C-alpha atoms as a PDB file:
ATOM      1  CA  MET A   1       0.000   0.000   0.000  1.00  0.00           C
ATOM      2  CA  SER A   2       1.436   3.365  -1.015  1.00  0.00           C
ATOM      3  CA  VAL A   3       1.602   6.432   1.187  1.00  0.00           C
ATOM      4  CA  ASP A   4      -1.230   8.116  -0.742  1.00  0.00           C
ATOM      5  CA  GLU A   5      -3.425   5.031  -0.437  1.00  0.00           C
ATOM      6  CA  SER A   6      -2.697   4.830   3.299  1.00  0.00           C
ATOM      7  CA  ARG A   7      -3.511   8.516   3.737  1.00  0.00           C
ATOM      8  CA  THR A   8      -6.772   8.088   1.803  1.00  0.00           C
ATOM      9  CA  LEU A   9      -7.719   5.059   3.898  1.00  0.00           C
ATOM     10  CA  VAL A  10      -7.039   6.937   7.135  1.00  0.00           C
ATOM     11  CA  GLN A  11      -9.094   9.915   5.918  1.00  0.00           C
ATOM     12  CA  GLU A  12     -12.001   7.625   5.008  1.00  0.00           C
ATOM     13  CA  ILE A  13     -11.873   5.958   8.428  1.00  0.00           C
ATOM     14  CA  GLU A  14     -11.766   9.356  10.124  1.00  0.00           C
ATOM     15  CA  GLY A  15     -14.761  10.443   8.071  1.00  0.00           C
ATOM     16  CA  HIS A  16     -16.757   7.376   9.050  1.00  0.00           C
ATOM     17  CA  LEU A  17     -15.876   7.834  12.723  1.00  0.00           C
ATOM     18  CA  LEU A  18     -16.787  11.510  12.584  1.00  0.00           C
ATOM     19  CA  LEU A  19     -20.129  10.706  10.964  1.00  0.00           C
ATOM     20  CA  ALA A  20     -20.850   7.953  13.493  1.00  0.00           C
ATOM     21  CA  ALA A  21     -20.114  10.340  16.360  1.00  0.00           C
ATOM     22  CA  ALA A  22     -22.358  13.006  14.820  1.00  0.00           C
ATOM     23  CA  ARG A  23     -25.164  10.475  14.400  1.00  0.00           C
ATOM     24  CA  GLU A  24     -24.863   9.444  18.040  1.00  0.00           C
ATOM     25  CA  GLU A  25     -24.871  13.100  19.131  1.00  0.00           C
ATOM     26  CA  SER A  26     -27.958  13.757  17.012  1.00  0.00           C
ATOM     27  CA  ARG A  27     -29.798  10.768  18.472  1.00  0.00           C
ATOM     28  CA  THR A  28     -28.922  11.812  22.012  1.00  0.00           C
ATOM     29  CA  ALA A  29     -30.026  15.388  21.384  1.00  0.00           C
ATOM     30  CA  ALA A  30     -33.242  14.211  19.729  1.00  0.00           C
ATOM     31  CA  VAL A  31     -34.099  11.955  22.656  1.00  0.00           C
ATOM     32  CA  ARG A  32     -33.378  14.785  25.122  1.00  0.00           C
ATOM     33  CA  LEU A  33     -35.667  17.086  23.147  1.00  0.00           C
ATOM     34  CA  THR A  34     -38.567  14.676  22.852  1.00  0.00           C
ATOM     35  CA  ALA A  35     -38.267  13.609  26.499  1.00  0.00           C
ATOM     36  CA  ARG A  36     -39.338  17.146  27.466  1.00  0.00           C
ATOM     37  CA  LEU A  37     -42.424  16.859  25.285  1.00  0.00           C
ATOM     38  CA  GLY A  38     -44.434  14.334  27.248  1.00  0.00           C
ATOM     39  CA  TRP A  39     -47.617  15.021  25.310  1.00  0.00           C
ATOM     40  CA  LEU A  40     -46.253  13.461  22.079  1.00  0.00           C
ATOM     41  CA  THR A  41     -47.510  10.096  20.965  1.00  0.00           C
ATOM     42  CA  ASP A  42     -44.911   7.397  20.246  1.00  0.00           C
ATOM     43  CA  THR A  43     -45.357   7.903  16.504  1.00  0.00           C
ATOM     44  CA  GLN A  44     -44.961  11.653  16.817  1.00  0.00           C
ATOM     45  CA  ARG A  45     -41.947  11.214  19.090  1.00  0.00           C
ATOM     46  CA  HIS A  46     -40.197   8.889  16.616  1.00  0.00           C
ATOM     47  CA  GLU A  47     -40.998  11.181  13.687  1.00  0.00           C
ATOM     48  CA  LEU A  48     -39.704  14.241  15.547  1.00  0.00           C
ATOM     49  CA  GLU A  49     -36.548  12.375  16.574  1.00  0.00           C
ATOM     50  CA  ARG A  50     -35.948  11.256  12.980  1.00  0.00           C
ATOM     51  CA  ARG A  51     -36.435  14.770  11.603  1.00  0.00           C
ATOM     52  CA  PHE A  52     -34.272  16.268  14.337  1.00  0.00           C
ATOM     53  CA  GLU A  53     -31.487  13.754  13.567  1.00  0.00           C
ATOM     54  CA  ASP A  54     -31.704  14.519   9.840  1.00  0.00           C
ATOM     55  CA  GLU A  55     -31.526  18.278  10.452  1.00  0.00           C
ATOM     56  CA  TYR A  56     -28.677  17.892  12.944  1.00  0.00           C
ATOM     57  CA  LEU A  57     -26.646  15.854  10.429  1.00  0.00           C
ATOM     58  CA  ALA A  58     -27.387  18.324   7.634  1.00  0.00           C
ATOM     59  CA  LEU A  59     -26.140  21.180   9.811  1.00  0.00           C
ATOM     60  CA  ALA A  60     -23.047  19.184  10.793  1.00  0.00           C
ATOM     61  CA  ARG A  61     -22.262  18.435   7.135  1.00  0.00           C
ATOM     62  CA  ALA A  62     -22.671  22.094   6.202  1.00  0.00           C
ATOM     63  CA  SER A  63     -20.374  23.076   9.047  1.00  0.00           C
ATOM     64  CA  TRP A  64     -17.764  20.492   7.981  1.00  0.00           C
ATOM     65  CA  ARG A  65     -17.991  21.709   4.398  1.00  0.00           C
ATOM     66  CA  ARG A  66     -17.453  25.348   5.443  1.00  0.00           C
ATOM     67  CA  THR A  67     -14.542  24.307   7.636  1.00  0.00           C
ATOM     68  CA  ALA A  68     -12.952  22.335   4.790  1.00  0.00           C
ATOM     69  CA  GLU A  69     -13.405  25.226   2.367  1.00  0.00           C
ATOM     70  CA  ARG A  70     -11.859  27.667   4.825  1.00  0.00           C
ATOM     71  CA  ALA A  71      -8.963  25.281   5.474  1.00  0.00           C
ATOM     72  CA  GLU A  72      -8.342  25.092   1.728  1.00  0.00           C
ATOM     73  CA  GLU A  73      -8.402  28.900   1.471  1.00  0.00           C
ATOM     74  CA  LEU A  74      -5.906  29.183   4.314  1.00  0.00           C
ATOM     75  CA  ARG A  75      -3.688  26.483   2.812  1.00  0.00           C
ATOM     76  CA  GLN A  76      -3.566  28.301  -0.517  1.00  0.00           C
ATOM     77  CA  ASP A  77      -2.890  31.612   1.224  1.00  0.00           C
ATOM     78  CA  TYR A  78      -0.029  30.225   3.303  1.00  0.00           C
ATOM     79  CA  GLU A  79       1.435  28.348   0.336  1.00  0.00           C
ATOM     80  CA  GLY A  80       1.457  31.614  -1.626  1.00  0.00           C
ATOM     81  CA  ARG A  81       3.163  33.433   1.221  1.00  0.00           C
ATOM     82  CA  TYR A  82       5.683  30.620   1.609  1.00  0.00           C
ATOM     83  CA  ARG A  83       6.512  30.733  -2.109  1.00  0.00           C
ATOM     84  CA  ALA A  84       6.958  34.514  -1.974  1.00  0.00           C
ATOM     85  CA  LEU A  85       9.236  34.249   1.068  1.00  0.00           C
ATOM     86  CA  ARG A  86      11.230  31.450  -0.565  1.00  0.00           C
ATOM     87  CA  HIS A  87      11.700  33.535  -3.726  1.00  0.00           C
ATOM     88  CA  ARG A  88      12.808  36.492  -1.615  1.00  0.00           C
ATOM     89  CA  LEU A  89      15.281  34.327   0.290  1.00  0.00           C
ATOM     90  CA  VAL A  90      16.735  32.898  -2.917  1.00  0.00           C
ATOM     91  CA  ALA A  91      17.041  36.401  -4.369  1.00  0.00           C
ATOM     92  CA  CYS A  92      18.827  37.613  -1.226  1.00  0.00           C
ATOM     93  CA  CYS A  93      21.191  34.633  -1.325  1.00  0.00           C
ATOM     94  CA  VAL A  94      21.990  35.229  -5.007  1.00  0.00           C
ATOM     95  CA  LEU A  95      22.546  38.930  -4.309  1.00  0.00           C
ATOM     96  CA  GLY A  96      24.773  38.099  -1.342  1.00  0.00           C
ATOM     97  CA  CYS A  97      26.825  35.659  -3.435  1.00  0.00           C
ATOM     98  CA  ALA A  98      27.148  38.262  -6.183  1.00  0.00           C
ATOM     99  CA  LEU A  99      28.332  40.868  -3.669  1.00  0.00           C
ATOM    100  CA  LEU A 100      30.857  38.443  -2.211  1.00  0.00           C
ATOM    101  CA  ALA A 101      32.130  37.558  -5.659  1.00  0.00           C
ATOM    102  CA  ALA A 102      32.393  41.234  -6.616  1.00  0.00           C
ATOM    103  CA  THR A 103      34.201  42.026  -3.368  1.00  0.00           C
ATOM    104  CA  GLY A 104      36.585  39.143  -3.983  1.00  0.00           C
ATOM    105  CA  LEU A 105      37.285  40.281  -7.519  1.00  0.00           C
ATOM    106  CA  LEU A 106      37.877  43.864  -6.397  1.00  0.00           C
ATOM    107  CA  ALA A 107      40.226  42.615  -3.687  1.00  0.00           C
ATOM    108  CA  LEU A 108      42.181  40.552  -6.222  1.00  0.00           C
ATOM    109  CA  ALA A 109      42.329  43.465  -8.639  1.00  0.00           C
ATOM    110  CA  ALA A 110      43.655  45.745  -5.916  1.00  0.00           C
ATOM    111  CA  VAL A 111      46.545  43.391  -5.122  1.00  0.00           C
END
C-alpha cells in the first residue's frame, strides 16, 4: 500500500468515525428534546426524533464543508506566502553571493 493510499484510507476511516459520532450526538439530542415533550404520541416522538437527527446531520455536514473550504483557502494563502518568502530568500542569497564575488574580484584586482 502506497503512502497516498494509506492517507486516503485513514481519511475515510476518520470520516466514518466523525459521521458515526455526529449520528450518536444527534440521536442523544433528539431523545433529550422529545423527552421534554411528554404530550407526544410514540409515533410523533419517533418522527420528531428522525427529523431532528436529519436536520442535525445536515447542519453538521454544512459546518464540515465550510470548515474544509476555509482550510483550503488558508492552505492556498499560506502556500502563496511561503513561495513569496522562498523567492525572496533565494534572491537575497543570489545577491549576497554576487556581492561576495564582486568584493573578492575587487580585492584581487587591488593586489
